C-alpha atoms as a PDB file:
ATOM      1  CA  MET A   1     -25.824  -2.461  37.745  1.00  0.00           C
ATOM      2  CA  ALA A   2     -22.211  -1.746  36.982  1.00  0.00           C
ATOM      3  CA  GLU A   3     -20.922  -1.326  40.526  1.00  0.00           C
ATOM      4  CA  THR A   4     -22.163  -1.553  44.058  1.00  0.00           C
ATOM      5  CA  PRO A   5     -20.648  -0.064  47.181  1.00  0.00           C
ATOM      6  CA  THR A   6     -19.814  -3.548  48.318  1.00  0.00           C
ATOM      7  CA  GLU A   7     -20.397  -6.820  46.572  1.00  0.00           C
ATOM      8  CA  PRO A   8     -20.873 -10.312  47.985  1.00  0.00           C
ATOM      9  CA  ALA A   9     -18.331 -12.917  46.931  1.00  0.00           C
ATOM     10  CA  ARG A  10     -21.114 -14.984  45.405  1.00  0.00           C
ATOM     11  CA  SER A  11     -24.839 -14.685  45.082  1.00  0.00           C
ATOM     12  CA  SER A  12     -27.152 -17.087  46.853  1.00  0.00           C
ATOM     13  CA  ALA A  13     -30.010 -16.146  44.529  1.00  0.00           C
ATOM     14  CA  ALA A  14     -31.873 -18.880  42.743  1.00  0.00           C
ATOM     15  CA  PRO A  15     -31.742 -18.780  38.964  1.00  0.00           C
ATOM     16  CA  PRO A  16     -34.297 -16.406  37.438  1.00  0.00           C
ATOM     17  CA  THR A  17     -37.702 -17.915  36.878  1.00  0.00           C
ATOM     18  CA  ALA A  18     -40.436 -16.966  34.471  1.00  0.00           C
ATOM     19  CA  PRO A  19     -42.728 -14.211  35.745  1.00  0.00           C
ATOM     20  CA  PRO A  20     -46.216 -15.265  36.826  1.00  0.00           C
ATOM     21  CA  SER A  21     -49.018 -14.701  34.360  1.00  0.00           C
ATOM     22  CA  GLY A  22     -50.048 -11.493  36.160  1.00  0.00           C
ATOM     23  CA  ALA A  23     -46.596  -9.900  35.840  1.00  0.00           C
ATOM     24  CA  PRO A  24     -45.904  -7.481  32.993  1.00  0.00           C
ATOM     25  CA  SER A  25     -44.081  -8.955  30.028  1.00  0.00           C
ATOM     26  CA  GLY A  26     -40.378  -8.348  30.218  1.00  0.00           C
ATOM     27  CA  ALA A  27     -40.554  -8.115  34.031  1.00  0.00           C
ATOM     28  CA  PRO A  28     -37.102  -8.859  35.364  1.00  0.00           C
ATOM     29  CA  THR A  29     -36.853 -11.536  38.021  1.00  0.00           C
ATOM     30  CA  GLY A  30     -33.059 -11.538  37.862  1.00  0.00           C
ATOM     31  CA  GLY A  31     -31.422  -8.834  35.767  1.00  0.00           C
ATOM     32  CA  ALA A  32     -31.715  -5.192  36.723  1.00  0.00           C
ATOM     33  CA  LEU A  33     -34.206  -5.774  39.531  1.00  0.00           C
ATOM     34  CA  GLU A  34     -31.917  -8.327  41.201  1.00  0.00           C
ATOM     35  CA  ARG A  35     -28.894  -6.047  40.762  1.00  0.00           C
ATOM     36  CA  ALA A  36     -30.775  -3.172  42.382  1.00  0.00           C
ATOM     37  CA  LEU A  37     -31.592  -5.497  45.291  1.00  0.00           C
ATOM     38  CA  SER A  38     -27.905  -6.457  45.580  1.00  0.00           C
ATOM     39  CA  ALA A  39     -26.990  -2.772  45.678  1.00  0.00           C
ATOM     40  CA  GLU A  40     -29.511  -2.187  48.457  1.00  0.00           C
ATOM     41  CA  HIS A  41     -28.195  -5.156  50.459  1.00  0.00           C
ATOM     42  CA  ALA A  42     -24.698  -3.686  50.213  1.00  0.00           C
ATOM     43  CA  ALA A  43     -25.959  -0.197  51.101  1.00  0.00           C
ATOM     44  CA  VAL A  44     -27.667  -1.471  54.264  1.00  0.00           C
ATOM     45  CA  TYR A  45     -24.411  -3.104  55.339  1.00  0.00           C
ATOM     46  CA  ALA A  46     -22.321  -0.034  54.492  1.00  0.00           C
ATOM     47  CA  TYR A  47     -24.658   2.304  56.364  1.00  0.00           C
ATOM     48  CA  GLY A  48     -24.210   0.131  59.457  1.00  0.00           C
ATOM     49  CA  VAL A  49     -20.477   0.834  59.234  1.00  0.00           C
ATOM     50  CA  ILE A  50     -21.086   4.525  58.497  1.00  0.00           C
ATOM     51  CA  GLY A  51     -23.298   4.851  61.572  1.00  0.00           C
ATOM     52  CA  GLY A  52     -20.644   3.193  63.704  1.00  0.00           C
ATOM     53  CA  LYS A  53     -18.059   5.806  62.731  1.00  0.00           C
ATOM     54  CA  THR A  54     -20.206   8.912  63.177  1.00  0.00           C
ATOM     55  CA  GLY A  55     -22.017  10.755  65.932  1.00  0.00           C
ATOM     56  CA  GLY A  56     -24.420  13.653  66.405  1.00  0.00           C
ATOM     57  CA  ALA A  57     -25.972  15.008  63.223  1.00  0.00           C
ATOM     58  CA  LEU A  58     -23.913  12.655  61.050  1.00  0.00           C
ATOM     59  CA  LEU A  59     -25.244   9.655  62.975  1.00  0.00           C
ATOM     60  CA  LYS A  60     -28.808  10.902  62.461  1.00  0.00           C
ATOM     61  CA  ARG A  61     -28.114  11.212  58.731  1.00  0.00           C
ATOM     62  CA  ALA A  62     -26.569   7.730  58.665  1.00  0.00           C
ATOM     63  CA  THR A  63     -29.580   6.274  60.489  1.00  0.00           C
ATOM     64  CA  ALA A  64     -31.955   7.908  58.011  1.00  0.00           C
ATOM     65  CA  GLY A  65     -29.908   6.505  55.110  1.00  0.00           C
ATOM     66  CA  PHE A  66     -29.884   3.045  56.679  1.00  0.00           C
ATOM     67  CA  ASP A  67     -33.663   3.129  57.155  1.00  0.00           C
ATOM     68  CA  ALA A  68     -34.274   4.383  53.599  1.00  0.00           C
ATOM     69  CA  HIS A  69     -32.096   1.698  52.009  1.00  0.00           C
ATOM     70  CA  ARG A  70     -33.636  -1.000  54.198  1.00  0.00           C
ATOM     71  CA  ALA A  71     -37.130   0.081  53.089  1.00  0.00           C
ATOM     72  CA  ARG A  72     -36.114   0.044  49.402  1.00  0.00           C
ATOM     73  CA  ARG A  73     -34.448  -3.346  49.883  1.00  0.00           C
ATOM     74  CA  ASP A  74     -37.663  -4.751  51.348  1.00  0.00           C
ATOM     75  CA  GLN A  75     -39.699  -3.216  48.508  1.00  0.00           C
ATOM     76  CA  LEU A  76     -37.442  -4.869  45.908  1.00  0.00           C
ATOM     77  CA  ARG A  77     -37.646  -8.224  47.671  1.00  0.00           C
ATOM     78  CA  THR A  78     -41.429  -8.024  47.554  1.00  0.00           C
ATOM     79  CA  LEU A  79     -41.409  -7.089  43.857  1.00  0.00           C
ATOM     80  CA  ILE A  80     -39.148  -9.992  42.950  1.00  0.00           C
ATOM     81  CA  THR A  81     -41.304 -12.424  44.925  1.00  0.00           C
ATOM     82  CA  ARG A  82     -44.536 -11.130  43.343  1.00  0.00           C
ATOM     83  CA  ARG A  83     -42.975 -11.638  39.914  1.00  0.00           C
ATOM     84  CA  GLY A  84     -42.221 -15.266  40.687  1.00  0.00           C
ATOM     85  CA  GLY A  85     -38.540 -14.854  41.504  1.00  0.00           C
ATOM     86  CA  THR A  86     -36.522 -15.651  44.576  1.00  0.00           C
ATOM     87  CA  PRO A  87     -34.816 -12.578  46.023  1.00  0.00           C
ATOM     88  CA  ALA A  88     -31.121 -12.952  46.792  1.00  0.00           C
ATOM     89  CA  GLU A  89     -30.117 -12.848  50.429  1.00  0.00           C
ATOM     90  CA  PRO A  90     -27.372 -10.465  51.529  1.00  0.00           C
ATOM     91  CA  GLY A  91     -23.915 -11.559  52.543  1.00  0.00           C
ATOM     92  CA  PRO A  92     -23.282 -11.540  56.308  1.00  0.00           C
ATOM     93  CA  THR A  93     -20.327  -9.216  55.822  1.00  0.00           C
ATOM     94  CA  TYR A  94     -18.771  -7.207  53.006  1.00  0.00           C
ATOM     95  CA  LEU A  95     -15.250  -6.009  52.348  1.00  0.00           C
ATOM     96  CA  LEU A  96     -15.483  -2.241  51.929  1.00  0.00           C
ATOM     97  CA  PRO A  97     -13.556  -0.396  49.177  1.00  0.00           C
ATOM     98  CA  PHE A  98     -11.394   1.361  51.808  1.00  0.00           C
ATOM     99  CA  GLU A  99     -10.951   1.374  55.567  1.00  0.00           C
ATOM    100  CA  VAL A 100     -13.449   3.571  57.394  1.00  0.00           C
ATOM    101  CA  ARG A 101     -11.476   5.075  60.283  1.00  0.00           C
ATOM    102  CA  GLY A 102     -13.612   8.049  61.244  1.00  0.00           C
ATOM    103  CA  PRO A 103     -16.276  10.545  60.186  1.00  0.00           C
ATOM    104  CA  ALA A 104     -14.469  11.789  57.062  1.00  0.00           C
ATOM    105  CA  ASP A 105     -14.109   8.235  55.729  1.00  0.00           C
ATOM    106  CA  ALA A 106     -17.731   7.519  56.683  1.00  0.00           C
ATOM    107  CA  VAL A 107     -18.898  10.493  54.611  1.00  0.00           C
ATOM    108  CA  ARG A 108     -16.727   9.359  51.707  1.00  0.00           C
ATOM    109  CA  LEU A 109     -18.244   5.861  51.908  1.00  0.00           C
ATOM    110  CA  ALA A 110     -21.784   7.255  52.086  1.00  0.00           C
ATOM    111  CA  LEU A 111     -21.158   9.241  48.901  1.00  0.00           C
ATOM    112  CA  LEU A 112     -19.801   6.179  47.129  1.00  0.00           C
ATOM    113  CA  VAL A 113     -22.753   4.079  48.285  1.00  0.00           C
ATOM    114  CA  GLU A 114     -25.280   6.614  47.017  1.00  0.00           C
ATOM    115  CA  GLN A 115     -23.514   6.987  43.665  1.00  0.00           C
ATOM    116  CA  ARG A 116     -23.361   3.256  43.066  1.00  0.00           C
ATOM    117  CA  VAL A 117     -26.922   2.571  44.181  1.00  0.00           C
ATOM    118  CA  THR A 118     -28.056   5.380  41.861  1.00  0.00           C
ATOM    119  CA  THR A 119     -26.279   3.599  39.015  1.00  0.00           C
ATOM    120  CA  ALA A 120     -28.157   0.383  39.840  1.00  0.00           C
ATOM    121  CA  TYR A 121     -31.485   2.178  39.690  1.00  0.00           C
ATOM    122  CA  LEU A 122     -30.607   3.860  36.415  1.00  0.00           C
ATOM    123  CA  GLU A 123     -30.349   0.433  34.838  1.00  0.00           C
ATOM    124  CA  LEU A 124     -33.731  -0.514  36.280  1.00  0.00           C
ATOM    125  CA  ALA A 125     -35.196   2.739  34.924  1.00  0.00           C
ATOM    126  CA  ALA A 126     -34.716   1.325  31.417  1.00  0.00           C
ATOM    127  CA  ASP A 127     -37.211  -1.492  32.061  1.00  0.00           C
ATOM    128  CA  ARG A 128     -40.341  -1.742  29.923  1.00  0.00           C
ATOM    129  CA  ASP A 129     -42.623  -1.785  32.976  1.00  0.00           C
ATOM    130  CA  PRO A 130     -43.719   1.797  33.805  1.00  0.00           C
ATOM    131  CA  ALA A 131     -44.196   0.897  37.487  1.00  0.00           C
ATOM    132  CA  LEU A 132     -40.580  -0.286  37.736  1.00  0.00           C
ATOM    133  CA  ARG A 133     -39.354   2.788  35.888  1.00  0.00           C
ATOM    134  CA  ARG A 134     -41.185   5.001  38.383  1.00  0.00           C
ATOM    135  CA  ILE A 135     -39.760   3.130  41.380  1.00  0.00           C
ATOM    136  CA  ALA A 136     -36.273   3.336  39.885  1.00  0.00           C
ATOM    137  CA  ALA A 137     -36.545   7.056  39.129  1.00  0.00           C
ATOM    138  CA  LEU A 138     -37.771   7.869  42.630  1.00  0.00           C
ATOM    139  CA  ALA A 139     -35.087   5.701  44.253  1.00  0.00           C
ATOM    140  CA  ALA A 140     -32.326   7.292  42.141  1.00  0.00           C
ATOM    141  CA  GLN A 141     -33.642  10.734  43.097  1.00  0.00           C
ATOM    142  CA  GLU A 142     -33.568   9.775  46.778  1.00  0.00           C
ATOM    143  CA  CYS A 143     -29.979   8.539  46.457  1.00  0.00           C
ATOM    144  CA  ALA A 144     -28.902  11.763  44.750  1.00  0.00           C
ATOM    145  CA  THR A 145     -30.586  13.817  47.469  1.00  0.00           C
ATOM    146  CA  ARG A 146     -28.865  11.803  50.221  1.00  0.00           C
ATOM    147  CA  ALA A 147     -25.488  12.145  48.488  1.00  0.00           C
ATOM    148  CA  TYR A 148     -25.966  15.901  48.306  1.00  0.00           C
ATOM    149  CA  GLY A 149     -26.849  15.923  52.009  1.00  0.00           C
ATOM    150  CA  TRP A 150     -23.571  14.194  52.809  1.00  0.00           C
ATOM    151  CA  GLN A 151     -21.553  16.548  50.645  1.00  0.00           C
ATOM    152  CA  PRO A 152     -23.184  19.486  48.851  1.00  0.00           C
ATOM    153  CA  LYS A 153     -21.352  18.958  45.594  1.00  0.00           C
ATOM    154  CA  LEU A 154     -22.784  18.401  42.152  1.00  0.00           C
ATOM    155  CA  GLY A 155     -21.080  15.810  40.021  1.00  0.00           C
ATOM    156  CA  PRO A 156     -21.735  14.265  36.645  1.00  0.00           C
ATOM    157  CA  PHE A 157     -24.721  12.039  36.076  1.00  0.00           C
ATOM    158  CA  PRO A 158     -23.745   8.410  36.892  1.00  0.00           C
ATOM    159  CA  GLY A 159     -22.067   6.833  33.904  1.00  0.00           C
ATOM    160  CA  MET A 160     -21.017  10.182  32.436  1.00  0.00           C
ATOM    161  CA  ASP A 161     -17.357  11.175  32.251  1.00  0.00           C
ATOM    162  CA  ARG A 162     -16.436  14.158  34.488  1.00  0.00           C
ATOM    163  CA  GLU A 163     -14.750  16.077  31.669  1.00  0.00           C
ATOM    164  CA  GLU A 164     -17.636  15.363  29.317  1.00  0.00           C
ATOM    165  CA  ALA A 165     -20.166  16.573  31.879  1.00  0.00           C
ATOM    166  CA  GLY A 166     -18.241  19.734  32.748  1.00  0.00           C
ATOM    167  CA  VAL A 167     -19.925  19.743  36.172  1.00  0.00           C
ATOM    168  CA  ASP A 168     -18.057  19.871  39.446  1.00  0.00           C
ATOM    169  CA  VAL A 169     -19.594  22.616  41.505  1.00  0.00           C
ATOM    170  CA  THR A 170     -19.071  22.765  45.241  1.00  0.00           C
ATOM    171  CA  VAL A 171     -21.773  24.629  47.082  1.00  0.00           C
ATOM    172  CA  PRO A 172     -20.371  26.471  50.105  1.00  0.00           C
ATOM    173  CA  THR A 173     -22.078  25.653  53.367  1.00  0.00           C
ATOM    174  CA  SER A 174     -21.609  27.703  56.469  1.00  0.00           C
ATOM    175  CA  GLY A 175     -21.648  25.868  59.747  1.00  0.00           C
ATOM    176  CA  SER A 176     -21.928  22.470  58.082  1.00  0.00           C
ATOM    177  CA  GLU A 177     -21.419  19.619  60.525  1.00  0.00           C
ATOM    178  CA  SER A 178     -20.180  17.274  57.817  1.00  0.00           C
ATOM    179  CA  PRO A 179     -16.432  16.824  57.516  1.00  0.00           C
ATOM    180  CA  PRO A 180     -15.176  17.335  53.974  1.00  0.00           C
ATOM    181  CA  ALA A 181     -15.116  14.139  51.974  1.00  0.00           C
ATOM    182  CA  ASP A 182     -12.288  13.166  49.693  1.00  0.00           C
ATOM    183  CA  SER A 183     -13.783  13.797  46.257  1.00  0.00           C
ATOM    184  CA  ALA A 184     -11.011  11.836  44.575  1.00  0.00           C
ATOM    185  CA  GLY A 185     -12.481   8.638  46.018  1.00  0.00           C
ATOM    186  CA  GLN A 186     -11.164   5.199  45.214  1.00  0.00           C
ATOM    187  CA  GLU A 187     -12.549   3.566  42.136  1.00  0.00           C
ATOM    188  CA  ALA A 188     -11.403   0.022  42.966  1.00  0.00           C
ATOM    189  CA  GLN A 189     -14.046  -2.673  42.864  1.00  0.00           C
ATOM    190  CA  PRO A 190     -14.947  -3.712  46.403  1.00  0.00           C
ATOM    191  CA  GLU A 191     -15.168  -7.343  47.415  1.00  0.00           C
ATOM    192  CA  SER A 192     -16.847  -9.274  50.141  1.00  0.00           C
ATOM    193  CA  SER A 193     -15.483 -11.815  52.506  1.00  0.00           C
ATOM    194  CA  ALA A 194     -18.458 -14.149  52.819  1.00  0.00           C
ATOM    195  CA  PRO A 195     -21.810 -15.071  51.245  1.00  0.00           C
ATOM    196  CA  ASP A 196     -25.327 -15.620  52.577  1.00  0.00           C
ATOM    197  CA  GLY A 197     -28.053 -13.933  54.598  1.00  0.00           C
ATOM    198  CA  GLN A 198     -28.225 -10.975  56.920  1.00  0.00           C
END
């Protein structure tokens, strides 16, 4: 995964181990699977912040996003364990890429989270294991759907240059309860302030 919405200062994951004999060959116990888990850990944290800065329909959307990322995180932990690995624990806190002061910033953060988690799953979608590819494709689709729910705007496929893609279509919504998000977004790499479990 190239980027995550928030990244721990250091990983507490054990070094990758060989997959058990029942695991498919080439099954990642570190690599892309571990990076997808790290992205989900960061997403769960970020959605806690997002929920704290929203109310009404936005809070319901944030709660749904939190629950979805928590379920995917737990699924990835189980997969890593079944493949003989030790899943990394999340950091107790993360430094966000910008200060979240209210609903507009919360929407902007939610979009960034979904984009970066999608990128993590796209890497996992290149795995040789068809079951992992399916999980990754479905998770990336869910992230894209959530991002569109936060801001009905189509952007380029993750990893594709905006000019190259030629896509930047805003879909008008009447009566939308979402405040407009800043589409410029900050591209700075986020950091975390501390390691270890959540």
